[in-house]
Amino acid sequence: MRWAMLRGREHQRIGSVELVAEESSAIALCRGGAAKTYSHTDPNEDAVLFANGEGGSLIAVTDGHGGDWGAERALDSLLEGVAETWTTAAPACAEPAQWCEAAHAAIEDANAAILAGAAELGLPAAPTTLSMALLRPAEGLLLHASVGDSHVFRARGERVEDIGWAALRRSRCFYLGYPPELGDREKARVACEDLAGTRALLLATDGVSERGIGLPDPAATIAQLLDSSAGRAAEQQPTEACRGLVEAALAAQRRQRAGDNVACAAWIRGL
């Protein structure tokens, strides 16, 4: 398994974009295009991950609230707990229901990791979003899961839509970092779908979409980016899509003189 993670505590310069790519996956992270105008704990509280194996790719973004360590602990939990087994050539799970159960368990483990981190550091828990996607082309599998208002954008044909928690438009948004309660699984959106027709998947934190800060229509921006990069070499397309979305969000933040952290992970079919 080959993997990379970008951590907010390591990237704190306004306007500076860090990007890592391999094969069909790319990740990018930036503190933002302008200074934050709202109350916050750390300069950059986002983190982003990809893990590529013989059987597939796992991508994930997290957005911490109340400290950068919460976002990092959640991704560490995925990396140490499920990334290798999920991306291997012969995974333990075979049926959609099994994958959904595995995703719920991974979310619960990430939540436990944040609570353990709070106890270890002697700090209040840092509420954290999580959006992740597992893509296994041989099985035609797309597993996606999210808690909180980070995005899961899927491009299928000419259409780009958010299929994560943020798309539900419910009145209340939930986060990792709270003691488990009865009914907690209803606070996560988990789905196992057919990968057929999906040409790209982009995950992003709400720095791309926050009203008065980010883009008015991130999905439309992603559609334009995918169209413009279609003629490029296949290995360049994930990088171009990931970088393009982050830089578009940073430009919007500069125009509005209000910043937020931006993390993006991209997977594009065909490499």
Protein backbone atom coordinates (compact mmCIF):
# COMPACT_ATOMS: atom_id res chain seq x y z
CA MET A 1 0.00 0.00 0.00
CA ARG A 2 1.21 3.50 -0.87
CA TRP A 3 -0.22 6.39 1.05
CA ALA A 4 0.17 10.09 1.81
CA MET A 5 -1.35 12.41 4.40
CA LEU A 6 -1.30 16.20 4.64
CA ARG A 7 -1.79 17.59 8.15
CA GLY A 8 -2.99 21.08 8.96
CA ARG A 9 -0.39 21.69 11.67
CA GLU A 10 2.33 21.28 9.03
CA HIS A 11 0.83 23.73 6.50
CA GLN A 12 0.02 27.12 7.97
CA ARG A 13 0.95 29.68 5.34
CA ILE A 14 -1.95 31.58 3.80
CA GLY A 15 -2.19 30.95 0.07
CA SER A 16 0.38 28.14 -0.04
CA VAL A 17 -1.03 24.92 -1.53
CA GLU A 18 0.59 21.57 -0.73
CA LEU A 19 -0.22 18.74 -3.15
CA VAL A 20 0.69 15.04 -3.41
CA ALA A 21 -0.41 12.70 -6.21
CA GLU A 22 0.03 9.08 -7.23
CA GLU A 23 -1.67 7.18 -10.04
CA SER A 24 -5.42 7.88 -9.92
CA SER A 25 -5.34 9.82 -6.60
CA ALA A 26 -4.33 13.32 -5.53
CA ILE A 27 -4.65 15.33 -2.31
CA ALA A 28 -4.20 19.03 -1.60
CA LEU A 29 -4.28 21.21 1.52
CA CYS A 30 -4.08 24.93 2.24
CA ARG A 31 -4.65 27.15 5.28
CA GLY A 32 -6.83 29.37 3.11
CA GLY A 33 -6.80 32.31 0.74
CA ALA A 34 -7.28 34.88 3.51
CA ALA A 35 -7.24 35.04 7.30
CA LYS A 36 -10.15 33.46 9.14
CA THR A 37 -12.73 35.98 10.34
CA TYR A 38 -14.40 33.62 12.83
CA SER A 39 -13.29 32.22 16.17
CA HIS A 40 -10.93 29.24 15.88
CA THR A 41 -8.24 27.35 17.79
CA ASP A 42 -5.50 26.51 15.26
CA PRO A 43 -4.57 28.15 11.94
CA ASN A 44 -5.23 25.02 9.87
CA GLU A 45 -7.57 22.36 11.29
CA ASP A 46 -8.05 20.28 8.11
CA ALA A 47 -6.30 17.06 7.04
CA VAL A 48 -6.46 14.84 3.96
CA LEU A 49 -5.37 11.29 3.03
CA PHE A 50 -5.05 8.85 0.16
CA ALA A 51 -4.09 5.17 0.29
CA ASN A 52 -3.62 3.10 -2.86
CA GLY A 53 -3.41 -0.68 -2.93
CA GLU A 54 -3.57 -3.46 -5.49
CA GLY A 55 -7.34 -3.60 -5.22
CA GLY A 56 -8.40 0.02 -4.90
CA SER A 57 -8.03 3.50 -3.47
CA LEU A 58 -9.19 5.11 -0.24
CA ILE A 59 -9.44 8.91 -0.04
CA ALA A 60 -10.60 10.97 2.95
CA VAL A 61 -10.82 14.54 4.25
CA THR A 62 -11.40 15.82 7.79
CA ASP A 63 -12.21 19.26 9.18
CA GLY A 64 -11.51 19.85 12.86
CA HIS A 65 -13.22 22.35 15.13
CA GLY A 66 -11.39 23.27 18.31
CA GLY A 67 -7.96 21.97 17.33
CA ASP A 68 -6.00 20.50 14.43
CA TRP A 69 -5.34 17.24 16.26
CA GLY A 70 -8.92 15.94 15.96
CA ALA A 71 -8.81 15.87 12.16
CA GLU A 72 -5.42 14.19 12.24
CA ARG A 73 -6.47 11.52 14.77
CA ALA A 74 -9.47 10.57 12.64
CA LEU A 75 -7.31 9.98 9.56
CA ASP A 76 -4.68 8.13 11.60
CA SER A 77 -7.46 5.78 12.69
CA LEU A 78 -8.40 5.05 9.07
CA LEU A 79 -4.80 4.60 8.01
CA GLU A 80 -3.90 2.27 10.86
CA GLY A 81 -7.20 0.44 11.04
CA VAL A 82 -8.70 -0.18 7.59
CA ALA A 83 -6.73 1.39 4.74
CA GLU A 84 -4.59 -1.64 3.94
CA THR A 85 -7.34 -4.25 4.28
CA TRP A 86 -9.79 -2.15 2.25
CA THR A 87 -7.38 -1.57 -0.65
CA THR A 88 -5.85 -5.04 -0.86
CA ALA A 89 -6.40 -7.25 -3.91
CA ALA A 90 -8.56 -9.68 -1.89
CA PRO A 91 -10.58 -7.75 0.73
CA ALA A 92 -12.40 -9.47 3.58
CA CYS A 93 -15.69 -7.76 2.64
CA ALA A 94 -17.56 -8.90 -0.46
CA GLU A 95 -21.17 -7.74 -0.23
CA PRO A 96 -22.52 -4.16 -0.07
CA ALA A 97 -24.01 -4.78 3.38
CA GLN A 98 -20.60 -5.93 4.63
CA TRP A 99 -18.93 -2.80 3.30
CA CYS A 100 -21.55 -0.59 4.91
CA GLU A 101 -21.03 -2.35 8.24
CA ALA A 102 -17.26 -1.95 7.88
CA ALA A 103 -17.67 1.77 7.15
CA HIS A 104 -19.83 2.31 10.23
CA ALA A 105 -17.25 0.46 12.34
CA ALA A 106 -14.44 2.61 10.91
CA ILE A 107 -16.38 5.78 11.76
CA GLU A 108 -16.92 4.53 15.31
CA ASP A 109 -13.20 3.78 15.62
CA ALA A 110 -12.33 7.28 14.38
CA ASN A 111 -14.70 8.76 16.94
CA ALA A 112 -13.06 6.68 19.69
CA ALA A 113 -9.62 7.84 18.53
CA ILE A 114 -10.63 11.49 18.94
CA LEU A 115 -12.05 10.85 22.41
CA ALA A 116 -8.88 8.98 23.40
CA GLY A 117 -6.80 11.87 22.09
CA ALA A 118 -8.76 14.33 24.19
CA ALA A 119 -8.14 12.25 27.32
CA GLU A 120 -4.46 11.89 26.48
CA LEU A 121 -3.94 15.60 25.82
CA GLY A 122 -6.18 16.76 28.65
CA LEU A 123 -8.29 18.81 26.22
CA PRO A 124 -11.94 18.97 25.28
CA ALA A 125 -12.73 16.75 22.30
CA ALA A 126 -12.26 18.49 18.92
CA PRO A 127 -15.48 18.00 16.90
CA THR A 128 -14.43 16.77 13.47
CA THR A 129 -16.06 16.07 10.12
CA LEU A 130 -15.11 13.03 8.08
CA SER A 131 -15.80 12.26 4.45
CA MET A 132 -14.24 9.17 2.89
CA ALA A 133 -14.58 7.08 -0.24
CA LEU A 134 -13.30 3.65 -1.24
CA LEU A 135 -13.08 2.94 -4.96
CA ARG A 136 -12.56 -0.63 -6.17
CA PRO A 137 -12.74 -0.72 -10.00
CA ALA A 138 -12.43 -4.51 -10.38
CA GLU A 139 -15.57 -5.07 -8.31
CA GLY A 140 -17.29 -1.95 -9.63
CA LEU A 141 -17.62 -0.70 -6.05
CA LEU A 142 -18.01 2.80 -4.65
CA LEU A 143 -18.27 3.00 -0.87
CA HIS A 144 -18.72 6.49 0.53
CA ALA A 145 -19.36 7.68 4.06
CA SER A 146 -19.52 11.04 5.78
CA VAL A 147 -20.22 12.71 9.08
CA GLY A 148 -20.55 16.49 9.14
CA ASP A 149 -20.53 19.05 6.36
CA SER A 150 -17.50 18.05 4.30
CA HIS A 151 -18.40 17.09 0.73
CA VAL A 152 -18.43 14.00 -1.50
CA PHE A 153 -18.72 15.17 -5.12
CA ARG A 154 -19.32 12.50 -7.77
CA ALA A 155 -18.95 13.16 -11.50
CA ARG A 156 -21.05 10.79 -13.57
CA GLY A 157 -21.44 11.65 -17.20
CA GLU A 158 -21.80 15.40 -17.45
CA ARG A 159 -23.35 15.74 -14.01
CA VAL A 160 -21.51 16.57 -10.77
CA GLU A 161 -23.45 16.20 -7.53
CA ASP A 162 -22.73 16.07 -3.81
CA ILE A 163 -23.71 12.62 -2.53
CA GLY A 164 -22.39 13.02 1.04
CA TRP A 165 -23.94 14.18 4.31
CA ALA A 166 -23.80 17.83 3.23
CA ALA A 167 -26.23 17.01 0.41
CA LEU A 168 -28.96 15.92 2.83
CA ARG A 169 -29.66 19.54 3.85
CA ARG A 170 -30.86 18.54 7.29
CA SER A 171 -31.32 21.16 9.97
CA ARG A 172 -28.62 19.70 12.21
CA CYS A 173 -25.06 18.69 11.39
CA PHE A 174 -23.27 16.01 13.43
CA TYR A 175 -19.56 15.59 14.12
CA LEU A 176 -17.10 13.05 15.41
CA GLY A 177 -15.68 13.67 18.86
CA TYR A 178 -18.67 13.03 21.12
CA PRO A 179 -19.38 10.05 23.40
CA PRO A 180 -21.32 7.33 21.55
CA GLU A 181 -25.08 7.37 21.96
CA LEU A 182 -27.98 5.21 20.93
CA GLY A 183 -28.78 5.99 17.31
CA ASP A 184 -25.31 7.32 16.47
CA ARG A 185 -25.32 5.43 13.16
CA GLU A 186 -28.10 7.71 12.00
CA LYS A 187 -25.62 10.59 12.29
CA ALA A 188 -23.50 9.17 9.47
CA ARG A 189 -24.32 8.83 5.78
CA VAL A 190 -22.99 5.50 4.52
CA ALA A 191 -23.69 4.00 1.09
CA CYS A 192 -22.28 1.27 -1.13
CA GLU A 193 -23.02 1.89 -4.81
CA ASP A 194 -22.14 0.73 -8.30
CA LEU A 195 -19.02 2.52 -9.55
CA ALA A 196 -20.20 2.22 -13.16
CA GLY A 197 -20.43 5.57 -14.92
CA THR A 198 -18.43 7.41 -12.26
CA ARG A 199 -15.55 9.23 -13.90
CA ALA A 200 -14.31 11.17 -10.90
CA LEU A 201 -14.81 11.63 -7.18
CA LEU A 202 -13.69 14.73 -5.26
CA LEU A 203 -13.91 15.13 -1.50
CA ALA A 204 -13.56 18.60 0.00
CA THR A 205 -13.96 20.40 3.31
CA ASP A 206 -16.36 23.32 3.59
CA GLY A 207 -13.68 25.90 2.84
CA VAL A 208 -14.79 25.40 -0.76
CA SER A 209 -18.45 26.14 -0.04
CA GLU A 210 -18.96 28.20 3.14
CA ARG A 211 -21.34 31.08 2.46
CA GLY A 212 -19.51 34.39 2.25
CA ILE A 213 -16.16 32.56 2.10
CA GLY A 214 -16.00 29.88 -0.60
CA LEU A 215 -17.50 29.17 -4.01
CA PRO A 216 -21.22 29.71 -4.67
CA ASP A 217 -21.43 26.46 -6.68
CA PRO A 218 -18.49 24.07 -6.13
CA ALA A 219 -20.12 21.33 -8.22
CA ALA A 220 -20.24 23.60 -11.27
CA THR A 221 -16.60 24.54 -10.73
CA ILE A 222 -15.65 20.84 -10.56
CA ALA A 223 -17.53 20.14 -13.81
CA GLN A 224 -15.57 22.91 -15.55
CA LEU A 225 -12.27 21.64 -14.16
CA LEU A 226 -12.93 18.08 -15.31
CA ASP A 227 -13.88 19.28 -18.78
CA SER A 228 -10.77 21.43 -19.10
CA SER A 229 -8.44 18.65 -17.92
CA ALA A 230 -9.98 15.93 -20.10
CA GLY A 231 -7.40 16.44 -22.86
CA ARG A 232 -4.43 16.14 -20.51
CA ALA A 233 -2.41 13.02 -19.89
CA ALA A 234 -4.29 10.61 -17.62
CA GLU A 235 -1.71 10.84 -14.83
CA GLN A 236 -2.08 14.64 -14.71
CA GLN A 237 -5.88 14.74 -14.37
CA PRO A 238 -6.24 14.01 -10.60
CA THR A 239 -3.60 16.65 -9.84
CA GLU A 240 -5.23 19.24 -12.07
CA ALA A 241 -8.72 18.64 -10.63
CA CYS A 242 -7.52 18.74 -7.02
CA ARG A 243 -5.32 21.80 -7.48
CA GLY A 244 -7.95 23.57 -9.55
CA LEU A 245 -10.71 23.22 -6.94
CA VAL A 246 -8.46 24.41 -4.11
CA GLU A 247 -7.16 27.39 -6.07
CA ALA A 248 -10.69 28.37 -7.15
CA ALA A 249 -11.77 28.31 -3.50
CA LEU A 250 -8.75 30.39 -2.45
CA ALA A 251 -9.53 32.98 -5.11
CA ALA A 252 -13.11 33.23 -3.81
CA GLN A 253 -11.80 33.70 -0.27
CA ARG A 254 -9.46 36.47 -1.37
CA ARG A 255 -12.29 38.26 -3.14
CA GLN A 256 -14.46 38.07 -0.03
CA ARG A 257 -11.58 38.79 2.39
CA ALA A 258 -12.62 35.86 4.55
CA GLY A 259 -10.66 32.64 4.80
CA ASP A 260 -11.12 29.01 5.81
CA ASN A 261 -8.95 25.92 5.55
CA VAL A 262 -9.34 23.89 2.35
CA ALA A 263 -8.61 20.18 1.95
CA CYS A 264 -9.36 18.23 -1.23
CA ALA A 265 -8.88 14.62 -2.34
CA ALA A 266 -9.50 13.49 -5.92
CA TRP A 267 -9.80 10.14 -7.69
CA ILE A 268 -10.20 9.98 -11.46
CA ARG A 269 -10.96 6.82 -13.39
CA GLY A 270 -8.88 5.59 -16.28
CA LEU A 271 -5.30 5.54 -15.04
